[in-house]
Every structure is written in structure tokens, then in C-alpha cells.
Amino acid sequence: MAADFRRSDLIEIQRSNLRALLRHLHREHGTWIAVAHKLGFRRSFVLAFCDGTELGNMALARSIARAVGLSLDDALAGKAPPRKAPALVLVAPPKRKGGAS
């Protein structure tokens, strides 16, 4: 019987919740490189965690929670990240044709 020496402080439901938050970050930032930079981890490690080949750890969990604006406990429990206010778009007034008004 071979022992699995890869250990994680996280249980599977917590890993699943963190992966969902990572997908949220990816939608928000557009690239895995940007997500990895925000988390302070290598892109290869983040992707390996997403596809399940890496079990992750509490340091990654804390980084993900911080990046989405949640407490560590809320991130591990699967709470949704806080919604951001929609970006305001400044619209220039229409240009008038003709003479002075």
C-alpha cells in the first residue's frame, strides 16, 4: 500500500469552493496570469489547483479570499464574493450643429 505524501489542510468541499472563486477571479481579470499575479502564486500552481492535480494549501486559500474580498472562513464556506458597483460611464453631451445658442 503506497502512502500519498501530498497533504492538504483543505477538505474537498473547501477546494471546490475555492475553485469557484478562482473562476470568478478569472472572469473578472481575463487571464490566468493576471489572477496568479493578484494571488502571488505561479500561474502553473493556480492552474494545477483548478484542475485538481494540486491539492492547494491554506496560504492559497487566504490569497483567494483576500483577492475576492471575503474572510477566509466565508471563502472556505462557499460564500459569494461581494458585488461591485457597476462602472460609471461618463457620456459626453451631444454636439450641437449650427450656430451659437
PDB file of N, CA and C in Angstrom:
ATOM      1  N   MET A   1       0.848  -1.176   0.000  1.00  0.00           N
ATOM      2  CA  MET A   1       0.000   0.000   0.000  1.00  0.00           C
ATOM      3  C   MET A   1       0.890   1.234   0.000  1.00  0.00           C
ATOM      4  N   ALA A   2       0.801   2.042  -1.031  1.00  0.00           N
ATOM      5  CA  ALA A   2       1.623   3.248  -1.161  1.00  0.00           C
ATOM      6  C   ALA A   2       0.953   4.400  -0.429  1.00  0.00           C
ATOM      7  N   ALA A   3       1.751   5.100   0.339  1.00  0.00           N
ATOM      8  CA  ALA A   3       1.217   6.259   1.072  1.00  0.00           C
ATOM      9  C   ALA A   3       1.240   7.478   0.164  1.00  0.00           C
ATOM     10  N   ASP A   4       0.196   8.292   0.261  1.00  0.00           N
ATOM     11  CA  ASP A   4       0.157   9.540  -0.508  1.00  0.00           C
ATOM     12  C   ASP A   4       0.722  10.641   0.383  1.00  0.00           C
ATOM     13  N   PHE A   5       1.904  11.121   0.034  1.00  0.00           N
ATOM     14  CA  PHE A   5       2.565  12.123   0.858  1.00  0.00           C
ATOM     15  C   PHE A   5       2.108  13.537   0.535  1.00  0.00           C
ATOM     16  N   ARG A   6       1.311  13.685  -0.509  1.00  0.00           N
ATOM     17  CA  ARG A   6       0.753  15.007  -0.804  1.00  0.00           C
ATOM     18  C   ARG A   6      -0.385  15.246   0.164  1.00  0.00           C
ATOM     19  N   ARG A   7      -0.222  16.224   1.030  1.00  0.00           N
ATOM     20  CA  ARG A   7      -1.256  16.536   2.011  1.00  0.00           C
ATOM     21  C   ARG A   7      -1.750  17.948   1.792  1.00  0.00           C
ATOM     22  N   SER A   8      -2.936  18.162   2.237  1.00  0.00           N
ATOM     23  CA  SER A   8      -3.516  19.493   2.155  1.00  0.00           C
ATOM     24  C   SER A   8      -4.255  19.763   3.449  1.00  0.00           C
ATOM     25  N   ASP A   9      -4.279  21.025   3.840  1.00  0.00           N
ATOM     26  CA  ASP A   9      -5.048  21.432   5.012  1.00  0.00           C
ATOM     27  C   ASP A   9      -6.527  21.586   4.659  1.00  0.00           C
ATOM     28  N   LEU A  10      -6.860  21.455   3.395  1.00  0.00           N
ATOM     29  CA  LEU A  10      -8.207  21.722   2.905  1.00  0.00           C
ATOM     30  C   LEU A  10      -8.952  20.417   2.649  1.00  0.00           C
ATOM     31  N   ILE A  11     -10.261  20.426   2.913  1.00  0.00           N
ATOM     32  CA  ILE A  11     -11.086  19.278   2.543  1.00  0.00           C
ATOM     33  C   ILE A  11     -11.683  19.553   1.159  1.00  0.00           C
ATOM     34  N   GLU A  12     -12.238  18.528   0.548  1.00  0.00           N
ATOM     35  CA  GLU A  12     -12.670  18.645  -0.851  1.00  0.00           C
ATOM     36  C   GLU A  12     -13.713  19.738  -1.072  1.00  0.00           C
ATOM     37  N   ILE A  13     -14.680  19.882  -0.187  1.00  0.00           N
ATOM     38  CA  ILE A  13     -15.701  20.922  -0.395  1.00  0.00           C
ATOM     39  C   ILE A  13     -15.067  22.312  -0.344  1.00  0.00           C
ATOM     40  N   GLN A  14     -14.063  22.501   0.494  1.00  0.00           N
ATOM     41  CA  GLN A  14     -13.366  23.789   0.553  1.00  0.00           C
ATOM     42  C   GLN A  14     -12.590  24.031  -0.734  1.00  0.00           C
ATOM     43  N   ARG A  15     -11.931  22.989  -1.242  1.00  0.00           N
ATOM     44  CA  ARG A  15     -11.203  23.135  -2.516  1.00  0.00           C
ATOM     45  C   ARG A  15     -12.162  23.487  -3.635  1.00  0.00           C
ATOM     46  N   SER A  16     -13.336  22.855  -3.645  1.00  0.00           N
ATOM     47  CA  SER A  16     -14.343  23.132  -4.667  1.00  0.00           C
ATOM     48  C   SER A  16     -14.814  24.586  -4.576  1.00  0.00           C
ATOM     49  N   ASN A  17     -15.052  25.065  -3.362  1.00  0.00           N
ATOM     50  CA  ASN A  17     -15.475  26.456  -3.180  1.00  0.00           C
ATOM     51  C   ASN A  17     -14.386  27.427  -3.630  1.00  0.00           C
ATOM     52  N   LEU A  18     -13.144  27.116  -3.329  1.00  0.00           N
ATOM     53  CA  LEU A  18     -12.034  27.982  -3.743  1.00  0.00           C
ATOM     54  C   LEU A  18     -11.870  27.980  -5.259  1.00  0.00           C
ATOM     55  N   ARG A  19     -12.088  26.830  -5.888  1.00  0.00           N
ATOM     56  CA  ARG A  19     -12.003  26.774  -7.360  1.00  0.00           C
ATOM     57  C   ARG A  19     -13.083  27.651  -7.992  1.00  0.00           C
ATOM     58  N   ALA A  20     -14.262  27.671  -7.407  1.00  0.00           N
ATOM     59  CA  ALA A  20     -15.339  28.536  -7.920  1.00  0.00           C
ATOM     60  C   ALA A  20     -14.927  29.999  -7.804  1.00  0.00           C
ATOM     61  N   LEU A  21     -14.288  30.366  -6.701  1.00  0.00           N
ATOM     62  CA  LEU A  21     -13.824  31.751  -6.540  1.00  0.00           C
ATOM     63  C   LEU A  21     -12.717  32.072  -7.537  1.00  0.00           C
ATOM     64  N   LEU A  22     -11.863  31.098  -7.828  1.00  0.00           N
ATOM     65  CA  LEU A  22     -10.825  31.314  -8.840  1.00  0.00           C
ATOM     66  C   LEU A  22     -11.440  31.551 -10.213  1.00  0.00           C
ATOM     67  N   ARG A  23     -12.477  30.802 -10.551  1.00  0.00           N
ATOM     68  CA  ARG A  23     -13.149  31.023 -11.843  1.00  0.00           C
ATOM     69  C   ARG A  23     -13.763  32.416 -11.885  1.00  0.00           C
ATOM     70  N   HIS A  24     -14.297  32.868 -10.748  1.00  0.00           N
ATOM     71  CA  HIS A  24     -14.822  34.230 -10.654  1.00  0.00           C
ATOM     72  C   HIS A  24     -13.707  35.244 -10.909  1.00  0.00           C
ATOM     73  N   LEU A  25     -12.557  35.044 -10.286  1.00  0.00           N
ATOM     74  CA  LEU A  25     -11.422  35.952 -10.498  1.00  0.00           C
ATOM     75  C   LEU A  25     -10.976  35.944 -11.959  1.00  0.00           C
ATOM     76  N   HIS A  26     -11.004  34.765 -12.576  1.00  0.00           N
ATOM     77  CA  HIS A  26     -10.603  34.675 -13.979  1.00  0.00           C
ATOM     78  C   HIS A  26     -11.559  35.462 -14.876  1.00  0.00           C
ATOM     79  N   ARG A  27     -12.860  35.353 -14.594  1.00  0.00           N
ATOM     80  CA  ARG A  27     -13.832  36.142 -15.374  1.00  0.00           C
ATOM     81  C   ARG A  27     -13.601  37.634 -15.158  1.00  0.00           C
ATOM     82  N   GLU A  28     -13.268  38.006 -13.940  1.00  0.00           N
ATOM     83  CA  GLU A  28     -13.078  39.416 -13.597  1.00  0.00           C
ATOM     84  C   GLU A  28     -11.794  39.999 -14.195  1.00  0.00           C
ATOM     85  N   HIS A  29     -10.718  39.218 -14.190  1.00  0.00           N
ATOM     86  CA  HIS A  29      -9.410  39.730 -14.624  1.00  0.00           C
ATOM     87  C   HIS A  29      -9.030  39.323 -16.042  1.00  0.00           C
ATOM     88  N   GLY A  30      -9.687  38.322 -16.599  1.00  0.00           N
ATOM     89  CA  GLY A  30      -9.496  37.991 -18.006  1.00  0.00           C
ATOM     90  C   GLY A  30      -8.425  36.976 -18.333  1.00  0.00           C
ATOM     91  N   THR A  31      -7.366  36.868 -17.529  1.00  0.00           N
ATOM     92  CA  THR A  31      -6.308  35.893 -17.823  1.00  0.00           C
ATOM     93  C   THR A  31      -5.866  35.209 -16.533  1.00  0.00           C
ATOM     94  N   TRP A  32      -5.348  33.995 -16.685  1.00  0.00           N
ATOM     95  CA  TRP A  32      -4.828  33.279 -15.521  1.00  0.00           C
ATOM     96  C   TRP A  32      -3.546  33.929 -15.014  1.00  0.00           C
ATOM     97  N   ILE A  33      -2.804  34.565 -15.895  1.00  0.00           N
ATOM     98  CA  ILE A  33      -1.585  35.265 -15.459  1.00  0.00           C
ATOM     99  C   ILE A  33      -1.956  36.408 -14.522  1.00  0.00           C
ATOM    100  N   ALA A  34      -2.990  37.159 -14.867  1.00  0.00           N
ATOM    101  CA  ALA A  34      -3.435  38.262 -14.009  1.00  0.00           C
ATOM    102  C   ALA A  34      -3.937  37.734 -12.666  1.00  0.00           C
ATOM    103  N   VAL A  35      -4.654  36.612 -12.687  1.00  0.00           N
ATOM    104  CA  VAL A  35      -5.147  36.014 -11.444  1.00  0.00           C
ATOM    105  C   VAL A  35      -3.973  35.574 -10.574  1.00  0.00           C
ATOM    106  N   ALA A  36      -3.019  34.876 -11.171  1.00  0.00           N
ATOM    107  CA  ALA A  36      -1.852  34.398 -10.429  1.00  0.00           C
ATOM    108  C   ALA A  36      -1.073  35.571  -9.835  1.00  0.00           C
ATOM    109  N   HIS A  37      -0.933  36.639 -10.615  1.00  0.00           N
ATOM    110  CA  HIS A  37      -0.223  37.826 -10.120  1.00  0.00           C
ATOM    111  C   HIS A  37      -0.953  38.425  -8.918  1.00  0.00           C
ATOM    112  N   LYS A  38      -2.269  38.509  -9.011  1.00  0.00           N
ATOM    113  CA  LYS A  38      -3.069  39.056  -7.909  1.00  0.00           C
ATOM    114  C   LYS A  38      -2.937  38.193  -6.656  1.00  0.00           C
ATOM    115  N   LEU A  39      -2.847  36.874  -6.838  1.00  0.00           N
ATOM    116  CA  LEU A  39      -2.752  35.954  -5.712  1.00  0.00           C
ATOM    117  C   LEU A  39      -1.332  35.846  -5.159  1.00  0.00           C
ATOM    118  N   GLY A  40      -0.343  36.154  -5.998  1.00  0.00           N
ATOM    119  CA  GLY A  40       1.040  35.997  -5.568  1.00  0.00           C
ATOM    120  C   GLY A  40       1.542  34.568  -5.688  1.00  0.00           C
ATOM    121  N   PHE A  41       0.933  33.798  -6.589  1.00  0.00           N
ATOM    122  CA  PHE A  41       1.339  32.416  -6.836  1.00  0.00           C
ATOM    123  C   PHE A  41       1.673  32.250  -8.304  1.00  0.00           C
ATOM    124  N   ARG A  42       2.428  31.202  -8.611  1.00  0.00           N
ATOM    125  CA  ARG A  42       2.752  30.913 -10.009  1.00  0.00           C
ATOM    126  C   ARG A  42       1.491  30.465 -10.745  1.00  0.00           C
ATOM    127  N   ARG A  43       1.403  30.865 -12.010  1.00  0.00           N
ATOM    128  CA  ARG A  43       0.260  30.503 -12.845  1.00  0.00           C
ATOM    129  C   ARG A  43       0.101  28.990 -12.913  1.00  0.00           C
ATOM    130  N   SER A  44       1.203  28.265 -13.037  1.00  0.00           N
ATOM    131  CA  SER A  44       1.139  26.800 -13.136  1.00  0.00           C
ATOM    132  C   SER A  44       0.535  26.181 -11.874  1.00  0.00           C
ATOM    133  N   PHE A  45       0.841  26.753 -10.710  1.00  0.00           N
ATOM    134  CA  PHE A  45       0.292  26.245  -9.449  1.00  0.00           C
ATOM    135  C   PHE A  45      -1.210  26.515  -9.379  1.00  0.00           C
ATOM    136  N   VAL A  46      -1.615  27.724  -9.787  1.00  0.00           N
ATOM    137  CA  VAL A  46      -3.033  28.091  -9.767  1.00  0.00           C
ATOM    138  C   VAL A  46      -3.827  27.183 -10.711  1.00  0.00           C
ATOM    139  N   LEU A  47      -3.300  26.949 -11.904  1.00  0.00           N
ATOM    140  CA  LEU A  47      -3.992  26.086 -12.865  1.00  0.00           C
ATOM    141  C   LEU A  47      -4.032  24.641 -12.385  1.00  0.00           C
ATOM    142  N   ALA A  48      -2.946  24.174 -11.763  1.00  0.00           N
ATOM    143  CA  ALA A  48      -2.924  22.805 -11.232  1.00  0.00           C
ATOM    144  C   ALA A  48      -3.957  22.651 -10.112  1.00  0.00           C
ATOM    145  N   PHE A  49      -4.121  23.687  -9.307  1.00  0.00           N
ATOM    146  CA  PHE A  49      -5.149  23.640  -8.263  1.00  0.00           C
ATOM    147  C   PHE A  49      -6.533  23.604  -8.910  1.00  0.00           C
ATOM    148  N   CYS A  50      -6.736  24.411  -9.946  1.00  0.00           N
ATOM    149  CA  CYS A  50      -8.042  24.451 -10.626  1.00  0.00           C
ATOM    150  C   CYS A  50      -8.411  23.110 -11.246  1.00  0.00           C
ATOM    151  N   ASP A  51      -7.439  22.419 -11.830  1.00  0.00           N
ATOM    152  CA  ASP A  51      -7.774  21.142 -12.468  1.00  0.00           C
ATOM    153  C   ASP A  51      -7.666  19.950 -11.523  1.00  0.00           C
ATOM    154  N   GLY A  52      -7.310  20.191 -10.257  1.00  0.00           N
ATOM    155  CA  GLY A  52      -7.324  19.128  -9.267  1.00  0.00           C
ATOM    156  C   GLY A  52      -6.033  18.345  -9.123  1.00  0.00           C
ATOM    157  N   THR A  53      -4.999  18.671  -9.896  1.00  0.00           N
ATOM    158  CA  THR A  53      -3.738  17.948  -9.759  1.00  0.00           C
ATOM    159  C   THR A  53      -2.908  18.466  -8.584  1.00  0.00           C
ATOM    160  N   GLU A  54      -3.247  19.641  -8.097  1.00  0.00           N
ATOM    161  CA  GLU A  54      -2.605  20.211  -6.905  1.00  0.00           C
ATOM    162  C   GLU A  54      -3.689  20.369  -5.842  1.00  0.00           C
ATOM    163  N   LEU A  55      -3.385  19.938  -4.610  1.00  0.00           N
ATOM    164  CA  LEU A  55      -4.388  19.972  -3.546  1.00  0.00           C
ATOM    165  C   LEU A  55      -4.562  21.340  -2.911  1.00  0.00           C
ATOM    166  N   GLY A  56      -3.621  22.244  -3.106  1.00  0.00           N
ATOM    167  CA  GLY A  56      -3.723  23.568  -2.525  1.00  0.00           C
ATOM    168  C   GLY A  56      -3.307  23.568  -1.067  1.00  0.00           C
ATOM    169  N   ASN A  57      -3.374  24.730  -0.456  1.00  0.00           N
ATOM    170  CA  ASN A  57      -2.987  24.881   0.949  1.00  0.00           C
ATOM    171  C   ASN A  57      -3.672  26.129   1.507  1.00  0.00           C
ATOM    172  N   MET A  58      -3.474  26.341   2.799  1.00  0.00           N
ATOM    173  CA  MET A  58      -4.131  27.475   3.445  1.00  0.00           C
ATOM    174  C   MET A  58      -3.585  28.815   2.951  1.00  0.00           C
ATOM    175  N   ALA A  59      -2.331  28.875   2.553  1.00  0.00           N
ATOM    176  CA  ALA A  59      -1.782  30.130   2.026  1.00  0.00           C
ATOM    177  C   ALA A  59      -2.517  30.526   0.741  1.00  0.00           C
ATOM    178  N   LEU A  60      -2.751  29.560  -0.132  1.00  0.00           N
ATOM    179  CA  LEU A  60      -3.505  29.836  -1.358  1.00  0.00           C
ATOM    180  C   LEU A  60      -4.934  30.247  -1.009  1.00  0.00           C
ATOM    181  N   ALA A  61      -5.543  29.553  -0.061  1.00  0.00           N
ATOM    182  CA  ALA A  61      -6.918  29.875   0.349  1.00  0.00           C
ATOM    183  C   ALA A  61      -6.998  31.305   0.871  1.00  0.00           C
ATOM    184  N   ARG A  62      -6.031  31.719   1.697  1.00  0.00           N
ATOM    185  CA  ARG A  62      -6.030  33.094   2.223  1.00  0.00           C
ATOM    186  C   ARG A  62      -5.881  34.108   1.087  1.00  0.00           C
ATOM    187  N   SER A  63      -5.027  33.804   0.118  1.00  0.00           N
ATOM    188  CA  SER A  63      -4.829  34.719  -1.015  1.00  0.00           C
ATOM    189  C   SER A  63      -6.096  34.855  -1.853  1.00  0.00           C
ATOM    190  N   ILE A  64      -6.772  33.739  -2.094  1.00  0.00           N
ATOM    191  CA  ILE A  64      -8.009  33.772  -2.874  1.00  0.00           C
ATOM    192  C   ILE A  64      -9.061  34.584  -2.130  1.00  0.00           C
ATOM    193  N   ALA A  65      -9.203  34.328  -0.825  1.00  0.00           N
ATOM    194  CA  ALA A  65     -10.189  35.059  -0.025  1.00  0.00           C
ATOM    195  C   ALA A  65      -9.918  36.557  -0.063  1.00  0.00           C
ATOM    196  N   ARG A  66      -8.666  36.939   0.111  1.00  0.00           N
ATOM    197  CA  ARG A  66      -8.290  38.359   0.092  1.00  0.00           C
ATOM    198  C   ARG A  66      -8.594  38.967  -1.275  1.00  0.00           C
ATOM    199  N   ALA A  67      -8.289  38.227  -2.346  1.00  0.00           N
ATOM    200  CA  ALA A  67      -8.473  38.750  -3.704  1.00  0.00           C
ATOM    201  C   ALA A  67      -9.936  39.008  -4.042  1.00  0.00           C
ATOM    202  N   VAL A  68     -10.837  38.205  -3.470  1.00  0.00           N
ATOM    203  CA  VAL A  68     -12.263  38.397  -3.773  1.00  0.00           C
ATOM    204  C   VAL A  68     -12.979  39.223  -2.713  1.00  0.00           C
ATOM    205  N   GLY A  69     -12.271  39.617  -1.662  1.00  0.00           N
ATOM    206  CA  GLY A  69     -12.873  40.471  -0.644  1.00  0.00           C
ATOM    207  C   GLY A  69     -13.708  39.734   0.388  1.00  0.00           C
ATOM    208  N   LEU A  70     -13.358  38.484   0.670  1.00  0.00           N
ATOM    209  CA  LEU A  70     -14.062  37.690   1.672  1.00  0.00           C
ATOM    210  C   LEU A  70     -13.126  37.341   2.820  1.00  0.00           C
ATOM    211  N   SER A  71     -13.709  37.002   3.960  1.00  0.00           N
ATOM    212  CA  SER A  71     -12.893  36.438   5.039  1.00  0.00           C
ATOM    213  C   SER A  71     -12.522  35.012   4.625  1.00  0.00           C
ATOM    214  N   LEU A  72     -11.486  34.475   5.241  1.00  0.00           N
ATOM    215  CA  LEU A  72     -11.069  33.109   4.929  1.00  0.00           C
ATOM    216  C   LEU A  72     -12.213  32.130   5.204  1.00  0.00           C
ATOM    217  N   ASP A  73     -12.881  32.284   6.332  1.00  0.00           N
ATOM    218  CA  ASP A  73     -13.983  31.373   6.674  1.00  0.00           C
ATOM    219  C   ASP A  73     -15.107  31.431   5.640  1.00  0.00           C
ATOM    220  N   ASP A  74     -15.451  32.634   5.184  1.00  0.00           N
ATOM    221  CA  ASP A  74     -16.514  32.770   4.181  1.00  0.00           C
ATOM    222  C   ASP A  74     -16.097  32.159   2.848  1.00  0.00           C
ATOM    223  N   ALA A  75     -14.838  32.347   2.465  1.00  0.00           N
ATOM    224  CA  ALA A  75     -14.350  31.773   1.203  1.00  0.00           C
ATOM    225  C   ALA A  75     -14.389  30.250   1.259  1.00  0.00           C
ATOM    226  N   LEU A  76     -13.950  29.675   2.373  1.00  0.00           N
ATOM    227  CA  LEU A  76     -13.951  28.216   2.508  1.00  0.00           C
ATOM    228  C   LEU A  76     -15.368  27.658   2.575  1.00  0.00           C
ATOM    229  N   ALA A  77     -16.297  28.453   3.099  1.00  0.00           N
ATOM    230  CA  ALA A  77     -17.690  28.011   3.224  1.00  0.00           C
ATOM    231  C   ALA A  77     -18.476  28.159   1.928  1.00  0.00           C
ATOM    232  N   GLY A  78     -17.899  28.829   0.930  1.00  0.00           N
ATOM    233  CA  GLY A  78     -18.575  28.951  -0.361  1.00  0.00           C
ATOM    234  C   GLY A  78     -19.448  30.174  -0.510  1.00  0.00           C
ATOM    235  N   LYS A  79     -19.229  31.191   0.304  1.00  0.00           N
ATOM    236  CA  LYS A  79     -19.990  32.437   0.154  1.00  0.00           C
ATOM    237  C   LYS A  79     -19.608  33.108  -1.157  1.00  0.00           C
ATOM    238  N   ALA A  80     -20.556  33.822  -1.716  1.00  0.00           N
ATOM    239  CA  ALA A  80     -20.305  34.547  -2.964  1.00  0.00           C
ATOM    240  C   ALA A  80     -19.511  35.811  -2.653  1.00  0.00           C
ATOM    241  N   PRO A  81     -18.633  36.194  -3.568  1.00  0.00           N
ATOM    242  CA  PRO A  81     -17.891  37.439  -3.352  1.00  0.00           C
ATOM    243  C   PRO A  81     -18.836  38.635  -3.390  1.00  0.00           C
ATOM    244  N   PRO A  82     -18.475  39.708  -2.675  1.00  0.00           N
ATOM    245  CA  PRO A  82     -19.332  40.900  -2.705  1.00  0.00           C
ATOM    246  C   PRO A  82     -19.418  41.461  -4.117  1.00  0.00           C
ATOM    247  N   ARG A  83     -20.595  41.958  -4.447  1.00  0.00           N
ATOM    248  CA  ARG A  83     -20.769  42.541  -5.787  1.00  0.00           C
ATOM    249  C   ARG A  83     -20.176  43.927  -5.828  1.00  0.00           C
ATOM    250  N   LYS A  84     -19.574  44.214  -6.953  1.00  0.00           N
ATOM    251  CA  LYS A  84     -19.040  45.567  -7.164  1.00  0.00           C
ATOM    252  C   LYS A  84     -20.116  46.418  -7.809  1.00  0.00           C
ATOM    253  N   ALA A  85     -20.063  47.695  -7.506  1.00  0.00           N
ATOM    254  CA  ALA A  85     -20.982  48.618  -8.160  1.00  0.00           C
ATOM    255  C   ALA A  85     -20.628  48.665  -9.643  1.00  0.00           C
ATOM    256  N   PRO A  86     -21.620  48.778 -10.488  1.00  0.00           N
ATOM    257  CA  PRO A  86     -21.309  48.860 -11.920  1.00  0.00           C
ATOM    258  C   PRO A  86     -20.458  50.087 -12.208  1.00  0.00           C
ATOM    259  N   ALA A  87     -19.574  49.933 -13.165  1.00  0.00           N
ATOM    260  CA  ALA A  87     -18.698  51.045 -13.540  1.00  0.00           C
ATOM    261  C   ALA A  87     -19.539  52.158 -14.159  1.00  0.00           C
ATOM    262  N   LEU A  88     -19.255  53.354 -13.749  1.00  0.00           N
ATOM    263  CA  LEU A  88     -19.966  54.500 -14.316  1.00  0.00           C
ATOM    264  C   LEU A  88     -19.279  54.912 -15.605  1.00  0.00           C
ATOM    265  N   VAL A  89     -20.068  55.141 -16.608  1.00  0.00           N
ATOM    266  CA  VAL A  89     -19.541  55.571 -17.893  1.00  0.00           C
ATOM    267  C   VAL A  89     -19.967  57.007 -18.101  1.00  0.00           C
ATOM    268  N   LEU A  90     -18.992  57.855 -18.240  1.00  0.00           N
ATOM    269  CA  LEU A  90     -19.309  59.256 -18.477  1.00  0.00           C
ATOM    270  C   LEU A  90     -19.627  59.444 -19.945  1.00  0.00           C
ATOM    271  N   VAL A  91     -20.738  60.054 -20.196  1.00  0.00           N
ATOM    272  CA  VAL A  91     -21.177  60.275 -21.573  1.00  0.00           C
ATOM    273  C   VAL A  91     -21.049  61.754 -21.875  1.00  0.00           C
ATOM    274  N   ALA A  92     -20.389  62.041 -22.960  1.00  0.00           N
ATOM    275  CA  ALA A  92     -20.238  63.437 -23.369  1.00  0.00           C
ATOM    276  C   ALA A  92     -21.585  63.956 -23.884  1.00  0.00           C
ATOM    277  N   PRO A  93     -21.896  65.208 -23.602  1.00  0.00           N
ATOM    278  CA  PRO A  93     -23.147  65.744 -24.120  1.00  0.00           C
ATOM    279  C   PRO A  93     -23.112  65.751 -25.643  1.00  0.00           C
ATOM    280  N   PRO A  94     -24.272  65.611 -26.277  1.00  0.00           N
ATOM    281  CA  PRO A  94     -24.267  65.595 -27.743  1.00  0.00           C
ATOM    282  C   PRO A  94     -23.775  66.935 -28.299  1.00  0.00           C
ATOM    283  N   LYS A  95     -23.054  66.829 -29.393  1.00  0.00           N
ATOM    284  CA  LYS A  95     -22.552  68.043 -30.041  1.00  0.00           C
ATOM    285  C   LYS A  95     -23.699  68.682 -30.820  1.00  0.00           C
ATOM    286  N   ARG A  96     -23.789  69.956 -30.707  1.00  0.00           N
ATOM    287  CA  ARG A  96     -24.851  70.673 -31.408  1.00  0.00           C
ATOM    288  C   ARG A  96     -24.375  71.131 -32.760  1.00  0.00           C
ATOM    289  N   LYS A  97     -25.273  71.049 -33.690  1.00  0.00           N
ATOM    290  CA  LYS A  97     -24.964  71.540 -35.028  1.00  0.00           C
ATOM    291  C   LYS A  97     -25.550  72.935 -35.182  1.00  0.00           C
ATOM    292  N   GLY A  98     -24.909  73.698 -35.937  1.00  0.00           N
ATOM    293  CA  GLY A  98     -25.476  75.018 -36.204  1.00  0.00           C
ATOM    294  C   GLY A  98     -24.757  76.113 -35.452  1.00  0.00           C
ATOM    295  N   GLY A  99     -25.413  77.242 -35.362  1.00  0.00           N
ATOM    296  CA  GLY A  99     -24.827  78.456 -34.798  1.00  0.00           C
ATOM    297  C   GLY A  99     -24.818  78.466 -33.291  1.00  0.00           C
ATOM    298  N   ALA A 100     -24.539  79.626 -32.788  1.00  0.00           N
ATOM    299  CA  ALA A 100     -24.478  79.804 -31.339  1.00  0.00           C
ATOM    300  C   ALA A 100     -25.861  79.700 -30.725  1.00  0.00           C
ATOM    301  N   SER A 101     -25.891  79.286 -29.500  1.00  0.00           N
ATOM    302  CA  SER A 101     -27.205  79.155 -28.867  1.00  0.00           C
ATOM    303  C   SER A 101     -27.426  80.208 -27.822  1.00  0.00           C
TER     304      SER A 101
END
